[in-house]
């Protein structure tokens, strides 16, 4: 159980840091982090880091395609958790 908590913490930290770095790169008009890489931590429970980064840095908040992809990654994570917990019974 402790390792699961560490994975969730790491995924959220990585997601948050990536959002900060990508926002900085966007402001400086430099090469950016691919959206798939920004969304990937969500598949490991990093949704809070991504959303907090979006809010605090005002990053990707107007891009509906990114929000849809993020939502789909969240749904995928939720289904994996549901199926995993269901199979443990």
N, C-alpha and C. Protein backbone atom coordinates (compact mmCIF):
# COMPACT_ATOMS: atom_id res chain seq x y z
N UNK A 1 0.82 -1.20 0.00
CA UNK A 1 0.00 0.00 0.00
C UNK A 1 0.86 1.27 0.00
N UNK A 2 1.99 1.22 0.72
CA UNK A 2 2.88 2.38 0.75
C UNK A 2 3.44 2.70 -0.63
N UNK A 3 3.76 1.66 -1.40
CA UNK A 3 4.31 1.90 -2.73
C UNK A 3 3.28 2.57 -3.64
N UNK A 4 2.01 2.26 -3.46
CA UNK A 4 0.95 2.91 -4.24
C UNK A 4 0.90 4.41 -3.92
N UNK A 5 1.03 4.75 -2.67
CA UNK A 5 1.04 6.16 -2.27
C UNK A 5 2.24 6.88 -2.87
N UNK A 6 3.40 6.23 -2.86
CA UNK A 6 4.59 6.84 -3.45
C UNK A 6 4.43 7.05 -4.96
N UNK A 7 3.80 6.09 -5.63
CA UNK A 7 3.55 6.23 -7.06
C UNK A 7 2.62 7.41 -7.33
N UNK A 8 1.56 7.54 -6.55
CA UNK A 8 0.62 8.66 -6.72
C UNK A 8 1.29 10.00 -6.46
N UNK A 9 2.10 10.08 -5.43
CA UNK A 9 2.82 11.32 -5.13
C UNK A 9 3.78 11.66 -6.26
N UNK A 10 4.54 10.68 -6.72
CA UNK A 10 5.50 10.91 -7.80
C UNK A 10 4.79 11.34 -9.09
N UNK A 11 3.70 10.67 -9.43
CA UNK A 11 2.97 11.01 -10.65
C UNK A 11 2.45 12.44 -10.60
N UNK A 12 1.94 12.86 -9.45
CA UNK A 12 1.42 14.21 -9.32
C UNK A 12 2.53 15.25 -9.33
N UNK A 13 3.65 14.97 -8.70
CA UNK A 13 4.79 15.89 -8.74
C UNK A 13 5.33 16.04 -10.16
N UNK A 14 5.49 14.92 -10.84
CA UNK A 14 5.98 14.96 -12.22
C UNK A 14 5.02 15.75 -13.10
N UNK A 15 3.73 15.50 -12.96
CA UNK A 15 2.74 16.20 -13.76
C UNK A 15 2.79 17.71 -13.51
N UNK A 16 2.86 18.09 -12.24
CA UNK A 16 2.89 19.51 -11.88
C UNK A 16 4.16 20.19 -12.42
N UNK A 17 5.30 19.55 -12.26
CA UNK A 17 6.56 20.11 -12.73
C UNK A 17 6.57 20.23 -14.25
N UNK A 18 6.05 19.21 -14.93
CA UNK A 18 5.98 19.27 -16.39
C UNK A 18 5.12 20.45 -16.86
N UNK A 19 4.00 20.68 -16.19
CA UNK A 19 3.13 21.80 -16.57
C UNK A 19 3.87 23.13 -16.38
N UNK A 20 4.63 23.24 -15.29
CA UNK A 20 5.40 24.47 -15.04
C UNK A 20 6.46 24.68 -16.11
N UNK A 21 7.17 23.60 -16.43
CA UNK A 21 8.23 23.71 -17.44
C UNK A 21 7.63 24.05 -18.80
N UNK A 22 6.53 23.39 -19.18
CA UNK A 22 5.93 23.64 -20.48
C UNK A 22 5.39 25.06 -20.58
N UNK A 23 4.83 25.57 -19.50
CA UNK A 23 4.35 26.97 -19.52
C UNK A 23 5.53 27.92 -19.72
N UNK A 24 6.62 27.66 -19.02
CA UNK A 24 7.80 28.51 -19.18
C UNK A 24 8.34 28.47 -20.61
N UNK A 25 8.37 27.27 -21.18
CA UNK A 25 8.82 27.13 -22.57
C UNK A 25 7.87 27.85 -23.53
N UNK A 26 6.58 27.80 -23.24
CA UNK A 26 5.60 28.49 -24.09
C UNK A 26 5.81 30.00 -24.06
N UNK A 27 6.04 30.52 -22.87
CA UNK A 27 6.26 31.97 -22.72
C UNK A 27 7.52 32.39 -23.47
N UNK A 28 8.55 31.55 -23.41
CA UNK A 28 9.81 31.88 -24.08
C UNK A 28 9.81 31.49 -25.56
N UNK A 29 8.68 30.96 -26.03
CA UNK A 29 8.51 30.54 -27.42
C UNK A 29 9.60 29.56 -27.85
N UNK A 30 9.84 28.57 -27.00
CA UNK A 30 10.81 27.52 -27.28
C UNK A 30 10.08 26.20 -27.55
N UNK A 31 10.84 25.19 -27.90
CA UNK A 31 10.28 23.87 -28.17
C UNK A 31 9.58 23.35 -26.91
N UNK A 32 8.38 22.79 -27.10
CA UNK A 32 7.51 22.44 -25.98
C UNK A 32 7.51 20.95 -25.68
N UNK A 33 6.95 20.61 -24.53
CA UNK A 33 6.75 19.22 -24.13
C UNK A 33 5.51 18.71 -24.88
N UNK A 34 5.60 17.54 -25.50
CA UNK A 34 4.43 17.01 -26.22
C UNK A 34 3.24 16.78 -25.28
N UNK A 35 2.04 16.99 -25.81
CA UNK A 35 0.84 16.82 -24.99
C UNK A 35 0.73 15.42 -24.41
N UNK A 36 1.11 14.42 -25.19
CA UNK A 36 1.05 13.04 -24.70
C UNK A 36 1.90 12.87 -23.44
N UNK A 37 3.03 13.54 -23.40
CA UNK A 37 3.90 13.47 -22.22
C UNK A 37 3.30 14.23 -21.05
N UNK A 38 2.58 15.31 -21.32
CA UNK A 38 1.94 16.06 -20.26
C UNK A 38 0.78 15.27 -19.65
N UNK A 39 0.12 14.47 -20.47
CA UNK A 39 -1.04 13.71 -20.03
C UNK A 39 -0.65 12.38 -19.39
N UNK A 40 0.49 11.82 -19.76
CA UNK A 40 0.91 10.49 -19.30
C UNK A 40 0.84 10.29 -17.79
N UNK A 41 1.25 11.25 -16.95
CA UNK A 41 1.16 11.00 -15.50
C UNK A 41 -0.27 10.76 -15.01
N UNK A 42 -1.25 11.21 -15.77
CA UNK A 42 -2.64 10.98 -15.40
C UNK A 42 -2.95 9.49 -15.38
N UNK A 43 -2.31 8.74 -16.25
CA UNK A 43 -2.52 7.30 -16.31
C UNK A 43 -1.97 6.58 -15.07
N UNK A 44 -1.20 7.30 -14.27
CA UNK A 44 -0.65 6.74 -13.02
C UNK A 44 -1.21 7.47 -11.80
N UNK A 45 -2.30 8.21 -11.99
CA UNK A 45 -2.95 8.90 -10.88
C UNK A 45 -2.52 10.33 -10.70
N UNK A 46 -1.85 10.92 -11.68
CA UNK A 46 -1.32 12.28 -11.55
C UNK A 46 -2.27 13.38 -11.98
N UNK A 47 -3.56 13.12 -11.93
CA UNK A 47 -4.54 14.11 -12.40
C UNK A 47 -4.49 15.40 -11.57
N UNK A 48 -4.28 15.28 -10.28
CA UNK A 48 -4.26 16.48 -9.44
C UNK A 48 -3.09 17.39 -9.79
N UNK A 49 -1.94 16.81 -10.11
CA UNK A 49 -0.78 17.61 -10.50
C UNK A 49 -1.02 18.35 -11.80
N UNK A 50 -1.65 17.67 -12.77
CA UNK A 50 -1.94 18.31 -14.05
C UNK A 50 -2.93 19.46 -13.86
N UNK A 51 -4.02 19.18 -13.16
CA UNK A 51 -5.06 20.20 -12.98
C UNK A 51 -4.54 21.37 -12.15
N UNK A 52 -3.79 21.09 -11.10
CA UNK A 52 -3.22 22.17 -10.30
C UNK A 52 -2.27 23.02 -11.14
N UNK A 53 -1.47 22.37 -11.98
CA UNK A 53 -0.58 23.10 -12.87
C UNK A 53 -1.34 23.94 -13.88
N UNK A 54 -2.44 23.40 -14.39
CA UNK A 54 -3.27 24.16 -15.32
C UNK A 54 -3.81 25.42 -14.66
N UNK A 55 -4.27 25.27 -13.44
CA UNK A 55 -4.88 26.40 -12.72
C UNK A 55 -3.83 27.42 -12.30
N UNK A 56 -2.79 26.97 -11.63
CA UNK A 56 -1.78 27.90 -11.10
C UNK A 56 -1.00 28.63 -12.19
N UNK A 57 -0.69 27.92 -13.28
CA UNK A 57 0.11 28.52 -14.34
C UNK A 57 -0.73 29.05 -15.50
N UNK A 58 -2.05 28.90 -15.38
CA UNK A 58 -2.98 29.28 -16.46
C UNK A 58 -2.49 28.71 -17.79
N UNK A 59 -2.30 27.41 -17.77
CA UNK A 59 -1.70 26.73 -18.91
C UNK A 59 -2.64 25.65 -19.44
N UNK A 60 -2.88 25.69 -20.73
CA UNK A 60 -3.74 24.73 -21.43
C UNK A 60 -5.20 24.82 -20.99
N UNK A 61 -5.59 25.91 -20.38
CA UNK A 61 -6.97 26.03 -19.90
C UNK A 61 -7.95 26.36 -21.01
N UNK A 62 -7.50 26.91 -22.11
CA UNK A 62 -8.39 27.26 -23.21
C UNK A 62 -8.36 26.21 -24.32
N UNK A 63 -7.48 25.25 -24.21
CA UNK A 63 -7.33 24.26 -25.28
C UNK A 63 -8.24 23.05 -25.00
N UNK A 64 -9.37 23.04 -25.68
CA UNK A 64 -10.39 22.01 -25.45
C UNK A 64 -9.90 20.62 -25.84
N UNK A 65 -9.08 20.52 -26.89
CA UNK A 65 -8.59 19.20 -27.30
C UNK A 65 -7.70 18.59 -26.21
N UNK A 66 -6.90 19.42 -25.55
CA UNK A 66 -6.07 18.93 -24.46
C UNK A 66 -6.94 18.48 -23.29
N UNK A 67 -7.95 19.26 -22.98
CA UNK A 67 -8.85 18.91 -21.88
C UNK A 67 -9.60 17.61 -22.15
N UNK A 68 -9.99 17.40 -23.42
CA UNK A 68 -10.67 16.16 -23.78
C UNK A 68 -9.72 14.97 -23.62
N UNK A 69 -8.48 15.11 -24.10
CA UNK A 69 -7.50 14.03 -23.96
C UNK A 69 -7.21 13.75 -22.48
N UNK A 70 -7.14 14.79 -21.69
CA UNK A 70 -6.91 14.63 -20.26
C UNK A 70 -8.07 13.89 -19.61
N UNK A 71 -9.28 14.25 -20.00
CA UNK A 71 -10.47 13.57 -19.47
C UNK A 71 -10.46 12.10 -19.86
N UNK A 72 -10.11 11.80 -21.10
CA UNK A 72 -10.08 10.41 -21.56
C UNK A 72 -9.01 9.61 -20.80
N UNK A 73 -7.87 10.22 -20.51
CA UNK A 73 -6.83 9.56 -19.73
C UNK A 73 -7.33 9.29 -18.31
N UNK A 74 -8.07 10.24 -17.75
CA UNK A 74 -8.64 10.07 -16.41
C UNK A 74 -9.65 8.92 -16.40
N UNK A 75 -10.49 8.86 -17.42
CA UNK A 75 -11.46 7.77 -17.52
C UNK A 75 -10.74 6.43 -17.63
N UNK A 76 -9.69 6.38 -18.44
CA UNK A 76 -8.91 5.16 -18.60
C UNK A 76 -8.31 4.73 -17.26
N UNK A 77 -7.73 5.68 -16.54
CA UNK A 77 -7.16 5.38 -15.22
C UNK A 77 -8.24 4.85 -14.29
N UNK A 78 -9.38 5.51 -14.29
CA UNK A 78 -10.49 5.09 -13.44
C UNK A 78 -10.96 3.68 -13.76
N UNK A 79 -11.04 3.36 -15.04
CA UNK A 79 -11.46 2.01 -15.44
C UNK A 79 -10.45 0.96 -15.02
N UNK A 80 -9.17 1.28 -15.16
CA UNK A 80 -8.12 0.34 -14.75
C UNK A 80 -8.19 0.10 -13.24
N UNK A 81 -8.37 1.15 -12.48
CA UNK A 81 -8.49 1.01 -11.02
C UNK A 81 -9.73 0.19 -10.67
N UNK A 82 -10.84 0.49 -11.32
CA UNK A 82 -12.09 -0.24 -11.06
C UNK A 82 -11.94 -1.73 -11.36
N UNK A 83 -11.39 -2.05 -12.53
CA UNK A 83 -11.23 -3.44 -12.92
C UNK A 83 -10.25 -4.15 -11.98
N UNK A 84 -9.19 -3.47 -11.61
CA UNK A 84 -8.20 -4.05 -10.71
C UNK A 84 -8.81 -4.34 -9.35
N UNK A 85 -9.51 -3.38 -8.79
CA UNK A 85 -10.13 -3.58 -7.48
C UNK A 85 -11.21 -4.66 -7.54
N UNK A 86 -11.93 -4.69 -8.64
CA UNK A 86 -13.00 -5.68 -8.82
C UNK A 86 -12.41 -7.09 -8.88
N UNK A 87 -11.26 -7.23 -9.53
CA UNK A 87 -10.66 -8.57 -9.66
C UNK A 87 -10.00 -9.03 -8.36
N UNK A 88 -9.77 -8.10 -7.44
CA UNK A 88 -9.13 -8.46 -6.17
C UNK A 88 -10.11 -9.09 -5.19
N UNK A 89 -11.39 -8.99 -5.48
CA UNK A 89 -12.41 -9.53 -4.56
C UNK A 89 -12.43 -11.03 -4.58
